[in-house]
Amino acid sequence: MDSLVFHIDADKAGTNLVESIKAYFGNRRIQVIVKPEETAADVIARNEAADHDYALPYDDIARIADALERNEPIDVTAEVKKFVATK
């Protein structure tokens, strides 16, 4: 899957951004999602507030990563949910 990720300040987005997207994808249909960038502090705060953790053994992480690298269909969310642990 081709993708582009731009990390920019909103006030600096301009026509060059749109032109870059057009140049990269040509006439293919695309999906555009714009959201505020999440900081590491945001992620840590959300994780600390959660009522659960995940404890994935290395072998399972490696198995999921290998499937992704081989472009094999895998439901990552379902795989991770197998290892949910209540705090």
PDB file of N, CA and C in Angstrom:
ATOM      1  N   MET A   1       0.838  -1.166   0.000  1.00  0.00           N
ATOM      2  CA  MET A   1       0.000   0.000   0.000  1.00  0.00           C
ATOM      3  C   MET A   1       0.886   1.234   0.000  1.00  0.00           C
ATOM      4  N   ASP A   2       0.647   2.108  -0.940  1.00  0.00           N
ATOM      5  CA  ASP A   2       1.362   3.381  -0.988  1.00  0.00           C
ATOM      6  C   ASP A   2       0.710   4.346  -0.026  1.00  0.00           C
ATOM      7  N   SER A   3       1.516   5.083   0.682  1.00  0.00           N
ATOM      8  CA  SER A   3       0.961   6.116   1.545  1.00  0.00           C
ATOM      9  C   SER A   3       1.980   7.218   1.746  1.00  0.00           C
ATOM     10  N   LEU A   4       1.479   8.384   2.070  1.00  0.00           N
ATOM     11  CA  LEU A   4       2.307   9.531   2.414  1.00  0.00           C
ATOM     12  C   LEU A   4       1.832  10.023   3.765  1.00  0.00           C
ATOM     13  N   VAL A   5       2.748  10.398   4.612  1.00  0.00           N
ATOM     14  CA  VAL A   5       2.394  10.979   5.903  1.00  0.00           C
ATOM     15  C   VAL A   5       3.092  12.326   5.986  1.00  0.00           C
ATOM     16  N   PHE A   6       2.307  13.361   6.192  1.00  0.00           N
ATOM     17  CA  PHE A   6       2.841  14.703   6.347  1.00  0.00           C
ATOM     18  C   PHE A   6       2.680  15.112   7.803  1.00  0.00           C
ATOM     19  N   HIS A   7       3.722  15.587   8.419  1.00  0.00           N
ATOM     20  CA  HIS A   7       3.677  16.150   9.762  1.00  0.00           C
ATOM     21  C   HIS A   7       4.010  17.623   9.609  1.00  0.00           C
ATOM     22  N   ILE A   8       2.975  18.444   9.601  1.00  0.00           N
ATOM     23  CA  ILE A   8       3.179  19.874   9.356  1.00  0.00           C
ATOM     24  C   ILE A   8       2.304  20.690  10.305  1.00  0.00           C
ATOM     25  N   ASP A   9       2.670  21.941  10.458  1.00  0.00           N
ATOM     26  CA  ASP A   9       1.824  22.879  11.198  1.00  0.00           C
ATOM     27  C   ASP A   9       0.688  23.279  10.268  1.00  0.00           C
ATOM     28  N   ALA A  10      -0.535  23.275  10.785  1.00  0.00           N
ATOM     29  CA  ALA A  10      -1.719  23.549   9.965  1.00  0.00           C
ATOM     30  C   ALA A  10      -1.606  24.874   9.216  1.00  0.00           C
ATOM     31  N   ASP A  11      -1.040  25.885   9.848  1.00  0.00           N
ATOM     32  CA  ASP A  11      -0.963  27.194   9.202  1.00  0.00           C
ATOM     33  C   ASP A  11       0.063  27.233   8.066  1.00  0.00           C
ATOM     34  N   LYS A  12       0.839  26.156   7.924  1.00  0.00           N
ATOM     35  CA  LYS A  12       1.829  26.097   6.839  1.00  0.00           C
ATOM     36  C   LYS A  12       1.346  25.244   5.662  1.00  0.00           C
ATOM     37  N   ALA A  13       0.189  24.603   5.789  1.00  0.00           N
ATOM     38  CA  ALA A  13      -0.353  23.795   4.695  1.00  0.00           C
ATOM     39  C   ALA A  13      -0.815  24.733   3.592  1.00  0.00           C
ATOM     40  N   GLY A  14      -0.478  24.392   2.373  1.00  0.00           N
ATOM     41  CA  GLY A  14      -0.858  25.241   1.249  1.00  0.00           C
ATOM     42  C   GLY A  14      -1.061  24.416  -0.006  1.00  0.00           C
ATOM     43  N   THR A  15      -1.058  25.094  -1.111  1.00  0.00           N
ATOM     44  CA  THR A  15      -1.300  24.432  -2.389  1.00  0.00           C
ATOM     45  C   THR A  15      -0.194  23.425  -2.719  1.00  0.00           C
ATOM     46  N   ASN A  16       1.008  23.640  -2.210  1.00  0.00           N
ATOM     47  CA  ASN A  16       2.084  22.680  -2.478  1.00  0.00           C
ATOM     48  C   ASN A  16       1.763  21.304  -1.908  1.00  0.00           C
ATOM     49  N   LEU A  17       1.059  21.269  -0.778  1.00  0.00           N
ATOM     50  CA  LEU A  17       0.666  19.989  -0.185  1.00  0.00           C
ATOM     51  C   LEU A  17      -0.276  19.244  -1.130  1.00  0.00           C
ATOM     52  N   VAL A  18      -1.274  19.928  -1.622  1.00  0.00           N
ATOM     53  CA  VAL A  18      -2.229  19.306  -2.548  1.00  0.00           C
ATOM     54  C   VAL A  18      -1.523  18.875  -3.830  1.00  0.00           C
ATOM     55  N   GLU A  19      -0.654  19.705  -4.337  1.00  0.00           N
ATOM     56  CA  GLU A  19       0.080  19.367  -5.560  1.00  0.00           C
ATOM     57  C   GLU A  19       0.976  18.142  -5.350  1.00  0.00           C
ATOM     58  N   SER A  20       1.578  18.018  -4.176  1.00  0.00           N
ATOM     59  CA  SER A  20       2.404  16.846  -3.858  1.00  0.00           C
ATOM     60  C   SER A  20       1.567  15.573  -3.860  1.00  0.00           C
ATOM     61  N   ILE A  21       0.378  15.663  -3.284  1.00  0.00           N
ATOM     62  CA  ILE A  21      -0.521  14.504  -3.251  1.00  0.00           C
ATOM     63  C   ILE A  21      -0.921  14.116  -4.661  1.00  0.00           C
ATOM     64  N   LYS A  22      -1.292  15.095  -5.456  1.00  0.00           N
ATOM     65  CA  LYS A  22      -1.682  14.821  -6.850  1.00  0.00           C
ATOM     66  C   LYS A  22      -0.525  14.196  -7.631  1.00  0.00           C
ATOM     67  N   ALA A  23       0.660  14.723  -7.456  1.00  0.00           N
ATOM     68  CA  ALA A  23       1.818  14.208  -8.190  1.00  0.00           C
ATOM     69  C   ALA A  23       2.126  12.770  -7.798  1.00  0.00           C
ATOM     70  N   TYR A  24       1.979  12.456  -6.525  1.00  0.00           N
ATOM     71  CA  TYR A  24       2.315  11.113  -6.045  1.00  0.00           C
ATOM     72  C   TYR A  24       1.285  10.078  -6.477  1.00  0.00           C
ATOM     73  N   PHE A  25       0.001  10.418  -6.364  1.00  0.00           N
ATOM     74  CA  PHE A  25      -1.050   9.431  -6.613  1.00  0.00           C
ATOM     75  C   PHE A  25      -1.672   9.513  -8.001  1.00  0.00           C
ATOM     76  N   GLY A  26      -1.391  10.550  -8.749  1.00  0.00           N
ATOM     77  CA  GLY A  26      -1.942  10.658 -10.095  1.00  0.00           C
ATOM     78  C   GLY A  26      -3.462  10.710 -10.066  1.00  0.00           C
ATOM     79  N   ASN A  27      -4.100   9.874 -10.897  1.00  0.00           N
ATOM     80  CA  ASN A  27      -5.558   9.900 -10.983  1.00  0.00           C
ATOM     81  C   ASN A  27      -6.219   8.820 -10.109  1.00  0.00           C
ATOM     82  N   ARG A  28      -5.429   8.187  -9.243  1.00  0.00           N
ATOM     83  CA  ARG A  28      -6.006   7.168  -8.352  1.00  0.00           C
ATOM     84  C   ARG A  28      -6.894   7.821  -7.311  1.00  0.00           C
ATOM     85  N   ARG A  29      -7.900   7.095  -6.897  1.00  0.00           N
ATOM     86  CA  ARG A  29      -8.781   7.572  -5.824  1.00  0.00           C
ATOM     87  C   ARG A  29      -8.017   7.482  -4.506  1.00  0.00           C
ATOM     88  N   ILE A  30      -8.135   8.499  -3.659  1.00  0.00           N
ATOM     89  CA  ILE A  30      -7.392   8.540  -2.402  1.00  0.00           C
ATOM     90  C   ILE A  30      -8.339   8.809  -1.229  1.00  0.00           C
ATOM     91  N   GLN A  31      -7.844   8.568  -0.042  1.00  0.00           N
ATOM     92  CA  GLN A  31      -8.546   8.892   1.185  1.00  0.00           C
ATOM     93  C   GLN A  31      -7.698   9.913   1.930  1.00  0.00           C
ATOM     94  N   VAL A  32      -8.316  10.991   2.350  1.00  0.00           N
ATOM     95  CA  VAL A  32      -7.595  12.041   3.063  1.00  0.00           C
ATOM     96  C   VAL A  32      -8.173  12.138   4.472  1.00  0.00           C
ATOM     97  N   ILE A  33      -7.317  11.993   5.466  1.00  0.00           N
ATOM     98  CA  ILE A  33      -7.713  12.125   6.867  1.00  0.00           C
ATOM     99  C   ILE A  33      -6.830  13.203   7.469  1.00  0.00           C
ATOM    100  N   VAL A  34      -7.443  14.188   8.068  1.00  0.00           N
ATOM    101  CA  VAL A  34      -6.693  15.266   8.705  1.00  0.00           C
ATOM    102  C   VAL A  34      -7.088  15.291  10.171  1.00  0.00           C
ATOM    103  N   LYS A  35      -6.098  15.199  11.039  1.00  0.00           N
ATOM    104  CA  LYS A  35      -6.358  15.218  12.475  1.00  0.00           C
ATOM    105  C   LYS A  35      -5.159  15.827  13.175  1.00  0.00           C
ATOM    106  N   PRO A  36      -5.371  16.314  14.390  1.00  0.00           N
ATOM    107  CA  PRO A  36      -4.229  16.851  15.124  1.00  0.00           C
ATOM    108  C   PRO A  36      -3.228  15.736  15.419  1.00  0.00           C
ATOM    109  N   GLU A  37      -1.966  16.075  15.363  1.00  0.00           N
ATOM    110  CA  GLU A  37      -0.924  15.100  15.659  1.00  0.00           C
ATOM    111  C   GLU A  37      -0.923  14.805  17.152  1.00  0.00           C
ATOM    112  N   GLU A  38      -0.855  13.543  17.481  1.00  0.00           N
ATOM    113  CA  GLU A  38      -0.851  13.124  18.881  1.00  0.00           C
ATOM    114  C   GLU A  38       0.583  13.150  19.402  1.00  0.00           C
ATOM    115  N   THR A  39       0.765  13.762  20.540  1.00  0.00           N
ATOM    116  CA  THR A  39       2.106  13.820  21.125  1.00  0.00           C
ATOM    117  C   THR A  39       2.354  12.574  21.963  1.00  0.00           C
ATOM    118  N   ALA A  40       3.598  12.335  22.268  1.00  0.00           N
ATOM    119  CA  ALA A  40       3.941  11.206  23.139  1.00  0.00           C
ATOM    120  C   ALA A  40       3.262  11.371  24.495  1.00  0.00           C
ATOM    121  N   ALA A  41       3.183  12.593  24.987  1.00  0.00           N
ATOM    122  CA  ALA A  41       2.524  12.846  26.277  1.00  0.00           C
ATOM    123  C   ALA A  41       1.042  12.481  26.216  1.00  0.00           C
ATOM    124  N   ASP A  42       0.385  12.745  25.061  1.00  0.00           N
ATOM    125  CA  ASP A  42      -1.029  12.373  24.890  1.00  0.00           C
ATOM    126  C   ASP A  42      -1.197  10.861  24.965  1.00  0.00           C
ATOM    127  N   VAL A  43      -0.320  10.135  24.284  1.00  0.00           N
ATOM    128  CA  VAL A  43      -0.399   8.672  24.266  1.00  0.00           C
ATOM    129  C   VAL A  43      -0.164   8.105  25.665  1.00  0.00           C
ATOM    130  N   ILE A  44       0.842   8.633  26.350  1.00  0.00           N
ATOM    131  CA  ILE A  44       1.152   8.148  27.700  1.00  0.00           C
ATOM    132  C   ILE A  44      -0.017   8.415  28.646  1.00  0.00           C
ATOM    133  N   ALA A  45      -0.590   9.599  28.583  1.00  0.00           N
ATOM    134  CA  ALA A  45      -1.725   9.938  29.457  1.00  0.00           C
ATOM    135  C   ALA A  45      -2.912   9.028  29.181  1.00  0.00           C
ATOM    136  N   ARG A  46      -3.200   8.773  27.911  1.00  0.00           N
ATOM    137  CA  ARG A  46      -4.321   7.884  27.552  1.00  0.00           C
ATOM    138  C   ARG A  46      -4.057   6.467  28.041  1.00  0.00           C
ATOM    139  N   ASN A  47      -2.835   5.993  27.897  1.00  0.00           N
ATOM    140  CA  ASN A  47      -2.499   4.645  28.345  1.00  0.00           C
ATOM    141  C   ASN A  47      -2.573   4.518  29.861  1.00  0.00           C
ATOM    142  N   GLU A  48      -2.119   5.545  30.567  1.00  0.00           N
ATOM    143  CA  GLU A  48      -2.174   5.505  32.028  1.00  0.00           C
ATOM    144  C   GLU A  48      -3.612   5.518  32.532  1.00  0.00           C
ATOM    145  N   ALA A  49      -4.518   6.175  31.804  1.00  0.00           N
ATOM    146  CA  ALA A  49      -5.921   6.261  32.212  1.00  0.00           C
ATOM    147  C   ALA A  49      -6.710   4.991  31.861  1.00  0.00           C
ATOM    148  N   ALA A  50      -6.183   4.160  30.990  1.00  0.00           N
ATOM    149  CA  ALA A  50      -6.897   2.947  30.575  1.00  0.00           C
ATOM    150  C   ALA A  50      -6.999   1.966  31.736  1.00  0.00           C
ATOM    151  N   ASP A  51      -8.049   1.143  31.684  1.00  0.00           N
ATOM    152  CA  ASP A  51      -8.245   0.144  32.749  1.00  0.00           C
ATOM    153  C   ASP A  51      -7.634  -1.206  32.391  1.00  0.00           C
ATOM    154  N   HIS A  52      -6.845  -1.232  31.329  1.00  0.00           N
ATOM    155  CA  HIS A  52      -6.235  -2.490  30.903  1.00  0.00           C
ATOM    156  C   HIS A  52      -4.869  -2.246  30.263  1.00  0.00           C
ATOM    157  N   ASP A  53      -4.102  -3.296  30.159  1.00  0.00           N
ATOM    158  CA  ASP A  53      -2.808  -3.306  29.484  1.00  0.00           C
ATOM    159  C   ASP A  53      -2.812  -4.446  28.481  1.00  0.00           C
ATOM    160  N   TYR A  54      -1.764  -4.534  27.699  1.00  0.00           N
ATOM    161  CA  TYR A  54      -1.568  -5.663  26.786  1.00  0.00           C
ATOM    162  C   TYR A  54      -0.193  -6.249  27.068  1.00  0.00           C
ATOM    163  N   ALA A  55      -0.107  -7.549  27.093  1.00  0.00           N
ATOM    164  CA  ALA A  55       1.165  -8.226  27.329  1.00  0.00           C
ATOM    165  C   ALA A  55       1.358  -9.256  26.225  1.00  0.00           C
ATOM    166  N   LEU A  56       2.016  -8.833  25.148  1.00  0.00           N
ATOM    167  CA  LEU A  56       2.240  -9.730  24.018  1.00  0.00           C
ATOM    168  C   LEU A  56       3.600 -10.382  24.118  1.00  0.00           C
ATOM    169  N   PRO A  57       3.626 -11.708  24.073  1.00  0.00           N
ATOM    170  CA  PRO A  57       4.922 -12.396  24.021  1.00  0.00           C
ATOM    171  C   PRO A  57       5.653 -12.053  22.722  1.00  0.00           C
ATOM    172  N   TYR A  58       6.970 -12.055  22.782  1.00  0.00           N
ATOM    173  CA  TYR A  58       7.773 -11.700  21.616  1.00  0.00           C
ATOM    174  C   TYR A  58       7.403 -12.546  20.398  1.00  0.00           C
ATOM    175  N   ASP A  59       7.190 -13.834  20.582  1.00  0.00           N
ATOM    176  CA  ASP A  59       6.869 -14.711  19.447  1.00  0.00           C
ATOM    177  C   ASP A  59       5.604 -14.265  18.723  1.00  0.00           C
ATOM    178  N   ASP A  60       4.623 -13.777  19.464  1.00  0.00           N
ATOM    179  CA  ASP A  60       3.394 -13.317  18.831  1.00  0.00           C
ATOM    180  C   ASP A  60       3.595 -11.994  18.108  1.00  0.00           C
ATOM    181  N   ILE A  61       4.396 -11.113  18.689  1.00  0.00           N
ATOM    182  CA  ILE A  61       4.722  -9.861  18.004  1.00  0.00           C
ATOM    183  C   ILE A  61       5.443 -10.167  16.695  1.00  0.00           C
ATOM    184  N   ALA A  62       6.394 -11.071  16.738  1.00  0.00           N
ATOM    185  CA  ALA A  62       7.156 -11.445  15.539  1.00  0.00           C
ATOM    186  C   ALA A  62       6.234 -12.069  14.491  1.00  0.00           C
ATOM    187  N   ARG A  63       5.296 -12.916  14.923  1.00  0.00           N
ATOM    188  CA  ARG A  63       4.360 -13.570  13.992  1.00  0.00           C
ATOM    189  C   ARG A  63       3.482 -12.524  13.301  1.00  0.00           C
ATOM    190  N   ILE A  64       2.973 -11.569  14.058  1.00  0.00           N
ATOM    191  CA  ILE A  64       2.138 -10.515  13.484  1.00  0.00           C
ATOM    192  C   ILE A  64       2.955  -9.656  12.520  1.00  0.00           C
ATOM    193  N   ALA A  65       4.153  -9.266  12.929  1.00  0.00           N
ATOM    194  CA  ALA A  65       5.019  -8.446  12.074  1.00  0.00           C
ATOM    195  C   ALA A  65       5.371  -9.173  10.780  1.00  0.00           C
ATOM    196  N   ASP A  66       5.670 -10.467  10.876  1.00  0.00           N
ATOM    197  CA  ASP A  66       5.993 -11.248   9.673  1.00  0.00           C
ATOM    198  C   ASP A  66       4.812 -11.288   8.713  1.00  0.00           C
ATOM    199  N   ALA A  67       3.614 -11.469   9.244  1.00  0.00           N
ATOM    200  CA  ALA A  67       2.418 -11.500   8.396  1.00  0.00           C
ATOM    201  C   ALA A  67       2.220 -10.159   7.696  1.00  0.00           C
ATOM    202  N   LEU A  68       2.437  -9.079   8.424  1.00  0.00           N
ATOM    203  CA  LEU A  68       2.296  -7.751   7.827  1.00  0.00           C
ATOM    204  C   LEU A  68       3.331  -7.520   6.738  1.00  0.00           C
ATOM    205  N   GLU A  69       4.571  -7.934   6.992  1.00  0.00           N
ATOM    206  CA  GLU A  69       5.637  -7.762   5.987  1.00  0.00           C
ATOM    207  C   GLU A  69       5.360  -8.564   4.731  1.00  0.00           C
ATOM    208  N   ARG A  70       4.702  -9.706   4.873  1.00  0.00           N
ATOM    209  CA  ARG A  70       4.377 -10.544   3.715  1.00  0.00           C
ATOM    210  C   ARG A  70       3.044 -10.162   3.074  1.00  0.00           C
ATOM    211  N   ASN A  71       2.430  -9.058   3.587  1.00  0.00           N
ATOM    212  CA  ASN A  71       1.130  -8.598   3.089  1.00  0.00           C
ATOM    213  C   ASN A  71       0.052  -9.664   3.198  1.00  0.00           C
ATOM    214  N   GLU A  72       0.163 -10.509   4.201  1.00  0.00           N
ATOM    215  CA  GLU A  72      -0.852 -11.524   4.448  1.00  0.00           C
ATOM    216  C   GLU A  72      -2.005 -10.889   5.220  1.00  0.00           C
ATOM    217  N   PRO A  73      -3.221 -11.324   4.951  1.00  0.00           N
ATOM    218  CA  PRO A  73      -4.344 -10.763   5.715  1.00  0.00           C
ATOM    219  C   PRO A  73      -4.248 -11.179   7.177  1.00  0.00           C
ATOM    220  N   ILE A  74      -4.286 -10.210   8.069  1.00  0.00           N
ATOM    221  CA  ILE A  74      -4.238 -10.489   9.504  1.00  0.00           C
ATOM    222  C   ILE A  74      -4.998  -9.382  10.214  1.00  0.00           C
ATOM    223  N   ASP A  75      -5.823  -9.765  11.148  1.00  0.00           N
ATOM    224  CA  ASP A  75      -6.585  -8.803  11.941  1.00  0.00           C
ATOM    225  C   ASP A  75      -5.743  -8.461  13.168  1.00  0.00           C
ATOM    226  N   VAL A  76      -4.949  -7.412  13.050  1.00  0.00           N
ATOM    227  CA  VAL A  76      -4.017  -7.043  14.117  1.00  0.00           C
ATOM    228  C   VAL A  76      -4.769  -6.720  15.403  1.00  0.00           C
ATOM    229  N   THR A  77      -5.875  -6.008  15.281  1.00  0.00           N
ATOM    230  CA  THR A  77      -6.655  -5.659  16.470  1.00  0.00           C
ATOM    231  C   THR A  77      -7.104  -6.908  17.209  1.00  0.00           C
ATOM    232  N   ALA A  78      -7.630  -7.874  16.489  1.00  0.00           N
ATOM    233  CA  ALA A  78      -8.084  -9.124  17.124  1.00  0.00           C
ATOM    234  C   ALA A  78      -6.914  -9.882  17.748  1.00  0.00           C
ATOM    235  N   GLU A  79      -5.776  -9.886  17.072  1.00  0.00           N
ATOM    236  CA  GLU A  79      -4.600 -10.569  17.603  1.00  0.00           C
ATOM    237  C   GLU A  79      -4.138  -9.941  18.910  1.00  0.00           C
ATOM    238  N   VAL A  80      -4.097  -8.614  18.952  1.00  0.00           N
ATOM    239  CA  VAL A  80      -3.641  -7.909  20.150  1.00  0.00           C
ATOM    240  C   VAL A  80      -4.637  -8.078  21.296  1.00  0.00           C
ATOM    241  N   LYS A  81      -5.932  -8.036  20.968  1.00  0.00           N
ATOM    242  CA  LYS A  81      -6.962  -8.163  22.002  1.00  0.00           C
ATOM    243  C   LYS A  81      -6.875  -9.502  22.742  1.00  0.00           C
ATOM    244  N   LYS A  82      -6.257 -10.489  22.135  1.00  0.00           N
ATOM    245  CA  LYS A  82      -6.091 -11.794  22.805  1.00  0.00           C
ATOM    246  C   LYS A  82      -5.236 -11.656  24.059  1.00  0.00           C
ATOM    247  N   PHE A  83      -4.468 -10.593  24.139  1.00  0.00           N
ATOM    248  CA  PHE A  83      -3.500 -10.439  25.235  1.00  0.00           C
ATOM    249  C   PHE A  83      -3.859  -9.284  26.167  1.00  0.00           C
ATOM    250  N   VAL A  84      -5.134  -8.920  26.230  1.00  0.00           N
ATOM    251  CA  VAL A  84      -5.556  -7.845  27.123  1.00  0.00           C
ATOM    252  C   VAL A  84      -5.507  -8.338  28.569  1.00  0.00           C
ATOM    253  N   ALA A  85      -5.041  -7.475  29.444  1.00  0.00           N
ATOM    254  CA  ALA A  85      -4.948  -7.814  30.878  1.00  0.00           C
ATOM    255  C   ALA A  85      -5.494  -6.630  31.673  1.00  0.00           C
ATOM    256  N   THR A  86      -6.372  -6.904  32.600  1.00  0.00           N
ATOM    257  CA  THR A  86      -6.941  -5.857  33.438  1.00  0.00           C
ATOM    258  C   THR A  86      -5.885  -5.336  34.398  1.00  0.00           C
ATOM    259  N   LYS A  87      -5.867  -4.027  34.590  1.00  0.00           N
ATOM    260  CA  LYS A  87      -4.905  -3.404  35.506  1.00  0.00           C
ATOM    261  C   LYS A  87      -5.314  -3.675  36.943  1.00  0.00           C
TER     262      LYS A  87
END
